[in-house]
């Protein structure tokens, strides 16, 4: 289990890249929780995060990224990887107060239901 709270810090995309590289080496984690409220992470940082996520066999994932300068392109990258994570049992995602549309939220709710029917999930993209 790995749980990190990086809220209200000057965490940039480059800092998050370093974190993602370290995360890429932790292959035995089955539960990951990242709380990154009010950081400087953008969609580029989410692109860095998607690399280790694609390799992990997580059963539980919590991504809390409200109040960041994140656009839809970064969210799409992460969400497409999550739809392929067949081991996920519980998923909680919060990108509220970012620049994400309700349409994208609805789209990924349907994709998650389709690709991960056994997964309990909550996603919030606006609010």
N, C-alpha and C. Protein backbone atom coordinates (compact mmCIF):
# COMPACT_ATOMS: atom_id res chain seq x y z
N UNK A 1 0.86 -1.18 0.00
CA UNK A 1 0.00 0.00 0.00
C UNK A 1 0.90 1.24 0.00
N UNK A 2 0.58 2.17 -0.89
CA UNK A 2 1.29 3.44 -0.93
C UNK A 2 0.27 4.56 -0.95
N UNK A 3 0.39 5.45 0.02
CA UNK A 3 -0.53 6.58 0.12
C UNK A 3 0.29 7.85 0.29
N UNK A 4 0.09 8.80 -0.62
CA UNK A 4 0.84 10.06 -0.58
C UNK A 4 -0.09 11.25 -0.64
N UNK A 5 0.16 12.21 0.22
CA UNK A 5 -0.58 13.48 0.18
C UNK A 5 0.41 14.56 -0.23
N UNK A 6 0.22 15.08 -1.42
CA UNK A 6 1.11 16.11 -1.96
C UNK A 6 0.37 17.43 -2.11
N UNK A 7 -0.64 17.63 -1.31
CA UNK A 7 -1.52 18.79 -1.45
C UNK A 7 -0.83 20.08 -1.03
N UNK A 8 -1.25 21.14 -1.73
CA UNK A 8 -0.83 22.51 -1.42
C UNK A 8 0.68 22.67 -1.38
N UNK A 9 1.34 22.03 -2.30
CA UNK A 9 2.79 22.15 -2.44
C UNK A 9 3.12 22.63 -3.84
N UNK A 10 4.31 23.05 -4.04
CA UNK A 10 4.76 23.50 -5.35
C UNK A 10 5.22 22.31 -6.19
N UNK A 11 4.42 21.28 -6.22
CA UNK A 11 4.74 20.09 -7.01
C UNK A 11 4.49 20.45 -8.48
N UNK A 12 5.54 20.37 -9.28
CA UNK A 12 5.44 20.68 -10.71
C UNK A 12 5.41 19.38 -11.50
N UNK A 13 5.23 19.52 -12.80
CA UNK A 13 5.26 18.35 -13.68
C UNK A 13 6.61 17.65 -13.62
N UNK A 14 7.70 18.42 -13.55
CA UNK A 14 9.03 17.80 -13.50
C UNK A 14 9.24 17.04 -12.19
N UNK A 15 8.76 17.60 -11.08
CA UNK A 15 8.82 16.89 -9.80
C UNK A 15 7.99 15.62 -9.87
N UNK A 16 6.83 15.72 -10.48
CA UNK A 16 5.95 14.56 -10.62
C UNK A 16 6.55 13.52 -11.55
N UNK A 17 7.35 13.95 -12.51
CA UNK A 17 8.05 13.02 -13.38
C UNK A 17 9.02 12.17 -12.55
N UNK A 18 9.77 12.81 -11.67
CA UNK A 18 10.70 12.10 -10.80
C UNK A 18 9.95 11.11 -9.91
N UNK A 19 8.83 11.55 -9.35
CA UNK A 19 8.01 10.66 -8.54
C UNK A 19 7.53 9.46 -9.37
N UNK A 20 7.08 9.71 -10.58
CA UNK A 20 6.56 8.65 -11.45
C UNK A 20 7.66 7.65 -11.81
N UNK A 21 8.87 8.13 -12.01
CA UNK A 21 9.99 7.22 -12.28
C UNK A 21 10.26 6.32 -11.08
N UNK A 22 10.17 6.88 -9.87
CA UNK A 22 10.35 6.07 -8.66
C UNK A 22 9.20 5.08 -8.51
N UNK A 23 7.99 5.52 -8.80
CA UNK A 23 6.82 4.66 -8.71
C UNK A 23 6.92 3.49 -9.68
N UNK A 24 7.55 3.73 -10.79
CA UNK A 24 7.71 2.69 -11.82
C UNK A 24 8.52 1.50 -11.30
N UNK A 25 9.33 1.73 -10.29
CA UNK A 25 10.16 0.65 -9.73
C UNK A 25 9.44 -0.15 -8.64
N UNK A 26 8.30 0.35 -8.17
CA UNK A 26 7.57 -0.31 -7.09
C UNK A 26 6.49 -1.21 -7.68
N UNK A 27 6.90 -2.36 -8.13
CA UNK A 27 6.00 -3.25 -8.86
C UNK A 27 5.09 -4.08 -7.96
N UNK A 28 5.38 -4.15 -6.67
CA UNK A 28 4.60 -5.02 -5.79
C UNK A 28 3.46 -4.28 -5.06
N UNK A 29 3.17 -3.06 -5.42
CA UNK A 29 2.09 -2.31 -4.79
C UNK A 29 0.76 -2.77 -5.36
N UNK A 30 -0.22 -3.01 -4.48
CA UNK A 30 -1.54 -3.35 -4.99
C UNK A 30 -2.59 -2.28 -4.65
N UNK A 31 -2.22 -1.32 -3.78
CA UNK A 31 -3.11 -0.21 -3.45
C UNK A 31 -2.32 1.08 -3.51
N UNK A 32 -2.86 2.05 -4.25
CA UNK A 32 -2.19 3.33 -4.43
C UNK A 32 -3.18 4.45 -4.22
N UNK A 33 -2.79 5.43 -3.42
CA UNK A 33 -3.62 6.59 -3.16
C UNK A 33 -2.77 7.85 -3.31
N UNK A 34 -3.18 8.75 -4.21
CA UNK A 34 -2.47 10.01 -4.43
C UNK A 34 -3.43 11.17 -4.23
N UNK A 35 -3.12 12.02 -3.28
CA UNK A 35 -3.92 13.21 -3.01
C UNK A 35 -3.08 14.42 -3.41
N UNK A 36 -3.44 15.05 -4.51
CA UNK A 36 -2.64 16.14 -5.08
C UNK A 36 -3.51 17.38 -5.31
N UNK A 37 -4.10 17.91 -4.25
CA UNK A 37 -4.95 19.09 -4.35
C UNK A 37 -4.09 20.35 -4.38
N UNK A 38 -4.44 21.26 -5.26
CA UNK A 38 -3.79 22.57 -5.36
C UNK A 38 -2.27 22.47 -5.54
N UNK A 39 -1.86 21.70 -6.51
CA UNK A 39 -0.46 21.62 -6.89
C UNK A 39 -0.29 22.32 -8.23
N UNK A 40 0.86 22.22 -8.82
CA UNK A 40 1.11 22.82 -10.13
C UNK A 40 1.15 21.75 -11.22
N UNK A 41 0.58 20.59 -10.95
CA UNK A 41 0.56 19.48 -11.90
C UNK A 41 -0.44 19.78 -13.01
N UNK A 42 -0.02 19.51 -14.24
CA UNK A 42 -0.87 19.69 -15.41
C UNK A 42 -1.07 18.34 -16.09
N UNK A 43 -1.64 18.36 -17.28
CA UNK A 43 -1.83 17.11 -18.03
C UNK A 43 -0.50 16.44 -18.35
N UNK A 44 0.58 17.21 -18.44
CA UNK A 44 1.91 16.62 -18.68
C UNK A 44 2.31 15.72 -17.50
N UNK A 45 2.01 16.14 -16.29
CA UNK A 45 2.29 15.33 -15.12
C UNK A 45 1.50 14.04 -15.12
N UNK A 46 0.24 14.12 -15.58
CA UNK A 46 -0.57 12.90 -15.67
C UNK A 46 -0.02 11.96 -16.73
N UNK A 47 0.55 12.50 -17.79
CA UNK A 47 1.20 11.65 -18.79
C UNK A 47 2.35 10.87 -18.16
N UNK A 48 3.13 11.54 -17.31
CA UNK A 48 4.22 10.85 -16.61
C UNK A 48 3.68 9.76 -15.69
N UNK A 49 2.59 10.03 -14.99
CA UNK A 49 1.99 9.06 -14.09
C UNK A 49 1.44 7.85 -14.83
N UNK A 50 0.98 8.06 -16.03
CA UNK A 50 0.36 6.96 -16.78
C UNK A 50 1.36 5.84 -17.09
N UNK A 51 2.63 6.15 -17.18
CA UNK A 51 3.65 5.14 -17.51
C UNK A 51 3.72 4.05 -16.44
N UNK A 52 3.93 4.40 -15.16
CA UNK A 52 3.94 3.31 -14.17
C UNK A 52 2.55 2.69 -13.96
N UNK A 53 1.49 3.48 -14.07
CA UNK A 53 0.15 2.92 -13.89
C UNK A 53 -0.13 1.80 -14.88
N UNK A 54 0.35 1.95 -16.10
CA UNK A 54 0.11 0.95 -17.14
C UNK A 54 0.76 -0.39 -16.79
N UNK A 55 1.77 -0.38 -15.95
CA UNK A 55 2.49 -1.60 -15.60
C UNK A 55 2.03 -2.23 -14.29
N UNK A 56 1.28 -1.49 -13.49
CA UNK A 56 0.92 -1.95 -12.15
C UNK A 56 -0.29 -2.88 -12.18
N UNK A 57 -0.35 -3.74 -11.20
CA UNK A 57 -1.46 -4.67 -11.02
C UNK A 57 -2.22 -4.27 -9.76
N UNK A 58 -2.80 -3.08 -9.77
CA UNK A 58 -3.47 -2.53 -8.61
C UNK A 58 -4.86 -3.13 -8.43
N UNK A 59 -5.24 -3.31 -7.17
CA UNK A 59 -6.61 -3.68 -6.85
C UNK A 59 -7.40 -2.46 -6.39
N UNK A 60 -6.69 -1.46 -5.88
CA UNK A 60 -7.35 -0.25 -5.40
C UNK A 60 -6.53 0.97 -5.82
N UNK A 61 -7.24 1.98 -6.36
CA UNK A 61 -6.57 3.20 -6.79
C UNK A 61 -7.44 4.40 -6.44
N UNK A 62 -6.79 5.38 -5.80
CA UNK A 62 -7.45 6.65 -5.48
C UNK A 62 -6.58 7.76 -6.06
N UNK A 63 -7.15 8.53 -6.98
CA UNK A 63 -6.46 9.69 -7.57
C UNK A 63 -7.30 10.92 -7.28
N UNK A 64 -6.81 11.76 -6.40
CA UNK A 64 -7.51 12.99 -6.03
C UNK A 64 -6.65 14.16 -6.51
N UNK A 65 -7.14 14.83 -7.57
CA UNK A 65 -6.40 15.92 -8.20
C UNK A 65 -7.28 17.17 -8.40
N UNK A 66 -8.06 17.59 -7.41
CA UNK A 66 -8.90 18.78 -7.64
C UNK A 66 -8.05 20.06 -7.60
N UNK A 67 -8.57 21.10 -8.18
CA UNK A 67 -7.95 22.43 -8.13
C UNK A 67 -6.53 22.44 -8.70
N UNK A 68 -6.35 21.79 -9.83
CA UNK A 68 -5.07 21.82 -10.54
C UNK A 68 -5.32 22.35 -11.94
N UNK A 69 -4.29 22.65 -12.65
CA UNK A 69 -4.41 23.16 -14.02
C UNK A 69 -4.36 21.99 -15.01
N UNK A 70 -5.28 21.07 -14.85
CA UNK A 70 -5.31 19.87 -15.68
C UNK A 70 -6.38 20.01 -16.74
N UNK A 71 -6.02 19.66 -17.95
CA UNK A 71 -6.95 19.71 -19.08
C UNK A 71 -7.36 18.28 -19.45
N UNK A 72 -8.30 18.18 -20.37
CA UNK A 72 -8.86 16.87 -20.73
C UNK A 72 -7.85 15.90 -21.32
N UNK A 73 -6.84 16.38 -22.04
CA UNK A 73 -5.91 15.45 -22.69
C UNK A 73 -5.18 14.57 -21.68
N UNK A 74 -4.76 15.12 -20.55
CA UNK A 74 -4.09 14.32 -19.54
C UNK A 74 -5.02 13.33 -18.87
N UNK A 75 -6.25 13.77 -18.63
CA UNK A 75 -7.24 12.88 -18.02
C UNK A 75 -7.54 11.71 -18.96
N UNK A 76 -7.66 11.99 -20.24
CA UNK A 76 -7.94 10.92 -21.21
C UNK A 76 -6.84 9.87 -21.19
N UNK A 77 -5.59 10.31 -21.12
CA UNK A 77 -4.46 9.37 -21.10
C UNK A 77 -4.56 8.43 -19.91
N UNK A 78 -4.78 8.99 -18.73
CA UNK A 78 -4.88 8.16 -17.52
C UNK A 78 -6.12 7.26 -17.57
N UNK A 79 -7.24 7.81 -17.99
CA UNK A 79 -8.48 7.03 -18.00
C UNK A 79 -8.41 5.85 -18.96
N UNK A 80 -7.78 6.02 -20.11
CA UNK A 80 -7.64 4.91 -21.05
C UNK A 80 -6.81 3.78 -20.45
N UNK A 81 -5.79 4.12 -19.70
CA UNK A 81 -4.98 3.10 -19.04
C UNK A 81 -5.80 2.41 -17.96
N UNK A 82 -6.57 3.18 -17.20
CA UNK A 82 -7.38 2.59 -16.13
C UNK A 82 -8.41 1.61 -16.67
N UNK A 83 -8.95 1.91 -17.82
CA UNK A 83 -9.94 1.00 -18.43
C UNK A 83 -9.33 -0.35 -18.78
N UNK A 84 -8.02 -0.43 -18.87
CA UNK A 84 -7.33 -1.68 -19.20
C UNK A 84 -6.79 -2.42 -17.98
N UNK A 85 -6.95 -1.83 -16.79
CA UNK A 85 -6.40 -2.42 -15.57
C UNK A 85 -7.40 -3.43 -15.00
N UNK A 86 -7.35 -4.62 -15.49
CA UNK A 86 -8.33 -5.67 -15.17
C UNK A 86 -8.30 -6.09 -13.70
N UNK A 87 -7.25 -5.76 -12.96
CA UNK A 87 -7.16 -6.17 -11.56
C UNK A 87 -7.86 -5.18 -10.62
N UNK A 88 -8.26 -4.02 -11.12
CA UNK A 88 -8.90 -3.02 -10.26
C UNK A 88 -10.23 -3.51 -9.70
N UNK A 89 -10.37 -3.35 -8.40
CA UNK A 89 -11.62 -3.68 -7.72
C UNK A 89 -12.30 -2.42 -7.19
N UNK A 90 -11.51 -1.43 -6.78
CA UNK A 90 -12.01 -0.16 -6.27
C UNK A 90 -11.23 0.98 -6.89
N UNK A 91 -11.97 1.97 -7.38
CA UNK A 91 -11.36 3.12 -8.06
C UNK A 91 -12.10 4.38 -7.64
N UNK A 92 -11.34 5.36 -7.22
CA UNK A 92 -11.92 6.66 -6.89
C UNK A 92 -11.07 7.74 -7.57
N UNK A 93 -11.74 8.58 -8.37
CA UNK A 93 -11.05 9.62 -9.11
C UNK A 93 -11.76 10.94 -8.87
N UNK A 94 -10.98 11.98 -8.61
CA UNK A 94 -11.54 13.32 -8.42
C UNK A 94 -10.67 14.33 -9.18
N UNK A 95 -11.20 14.85 -10.27
CA UNK A 95 -10.58 15.93 -11.03
C UNK A 95 -11.47 17.17 -10.98
N UNK A 96 -12.25 17.31 -9.90
CA UNK A 96 -13.16 18.45 -9.80
C UNK A 96 -12.39 19.76 -9.75
N UNK A 97 -13.03 20.78 -10.21
CA UNK A 97 -12.48 22.13 -10.27
C UNK A 97 -11.29 22.23 -11.25
N UNK A 98 -11.11 21.21 -12.08
CA UNK A 98 -10.14 21.29 -13.17
C UNK A 98 -10.93 21.69 -14.42
N UNK A 99 -10.37 21.53 -15.56
CA UNK A 99 -11.01 21.95 -16.80
C UNK A 99 -11.52 20.73 -17.57
N UNK A 100 -12.42 19.98 -16.95
CA UNK A 100 -12.90 18.72 -17.50
C UNK A 100 -14.41 18.82 -17.72
N UNK A 101 -14.88 18.32 -18.82
CA UNK A 101 -16.30 18.45 -19.16
C UNK A 101 -17.14 17.32 -18.56
N UNK A 102 -18.43 17.60 -18.39
CA UNK A 102 -19.36 16.58 -17.94
C UNK A 102 -19.47 15.45 -18.97
N UNK A 103 -19.35 15.78 -20.24
CA UNK A 103 -19.43 14.77 -21.29
C UNK A 103 -18.31 13.75 -21.15
N UNK A 104 -17.11 14.23 -20.82
CA UNK A 104 -15.99 13.31 -20.65
C UNK A 104 -16.23 12.41 -19.44
N UNK A 105 -16.77 12.96 -18.38
CA UNK A 105 -17.09 12.17 -17.19
C UNK A 105 -18.09 11.06 -17.55
N UNK A 106 -19.13 11.39 -18.25
CA UNK A 106 -20.13 10.39 -18.65
C UNK A 106 -19.52 9.32 -19.56
N UNK A 107 -18.68 9.76 -20.49
CA UNK A 107 -18.02 8.83 -21.40
C UNK A 107 -17.21 7.80 -20.63
N UNK A 108 -16.41 8.26 -19.67
CA UNK A 108 -15.57 7.32 -18.93
C UNK A 108 -16.34 6.51 -17.91
N UNK A 109 -17.44 7.00 -17.42
CA UNK A 109 -18.28 6.15 -16.57
C UNK A 109 -18.77 4.95 -17.38
N UNK A 110 -19.18 5.18 -18.60
CA UNK A 110 -19.63 4.09 -19.46
C UNK A 110 -18.49 3.15 -19.83
N UNK A 111 -17.33 3.71 -20.15
CA UNK A 111 -16.16 2.86 -20.50
C UNK A 111 -15.75 1.99 -19.33
N UNK A 112 -15.73 2.55 -18.13
CA UNK A 112 -15.36 1.76 -16.96
C UNK A 112 -16.36 0.64 -16.72
N UNK A 113 -17.64 0.94 -16.87
CA UNK A 113 -18.66 -0.11 -16.73
C UNK A 113 -18.45 -1.22 -17.75
N UNK A 114 -18.07 -0.83 -18.96
CA UNK A 114 -17.88 -1.80 -20.05
C UNK A 114 -16.63 -2.64 -19.83
N UNK A 115 -15.51 -2.00 -19.54
CA UNK A 115 -14.24 -2.70 -19.46
C UNK A 115 -13.90 -3.27 -18.09
N UNK A 116 -14.48 -2.69 -17.03
CA UNK A 116 -14.22 -3.16 -15.67
C UNK A 116 -15.55 -3.38 -14.93
N UNK A 117 -16.36 -4.31 -15.39
CA UNK A 117 -17.69 -4.46 -14.80
C UNK A 117 -17.69 -4.85 -13.33
N UNK A 118 -16.64 -5.46 -12.84
CA UNK A 118 -16.56 -5.88 -11.44
C UNK A 118 -15.99 -4.80 -10.53
N UNK A 119 -15.54 -3.71 -11.08
CA UNK A 119 -14.89 -2.65 -10.31
C UNK A 119 -15.93 -1.69 -9.73
N UNK A 120 -15.78 -1.38 -8.45
CA UNK A 120 -16.56 -0.32 -7.82
C UNK A 120 -15.82 0.99 -8.08
N UNK A 121 -16.49 1.95 -8.67
CA UNK A 121 -15.78 3.19 -8.96
C UNK A 121 -16.64 4.41 -8.71
N UNK A 122 -15.94 5.50 -8.40
CA UNK A 122 -16.55 6.82 -8.26
C UNK A 122 -15.64 7.78 -9.01
N UNK A 123 -16.21 8.52 -9.95
CA UNK A 123 -15.42 9.53 -10.64
C UNK A 123 -16.14 10.87 -10.59
N UNK A 124 -15.36 11.92 -10.40
CA UNK A 124 -15.87 13.27 -10.35
C UNK A 124 -14.92 14.14 -11.18
N UNK A 125 -15.45 14.68 -12.28
CA UNK A 125 -14.65 15.51 -13.16
C UNK A 125 -15.01 16.98 -13.09
N UNK A 126 -16.11 17.32 -12.52
CA UNK A 126 -16.52 18.71 -12.40
C UNK A 126 -17.16 18.90 -11.04
N UNK A 127 -17.33 20.11 -10.64
CA UNK A 127 -18.00 20.27 -9.35
C UNK A 127 -17.78 21.61 -8.73
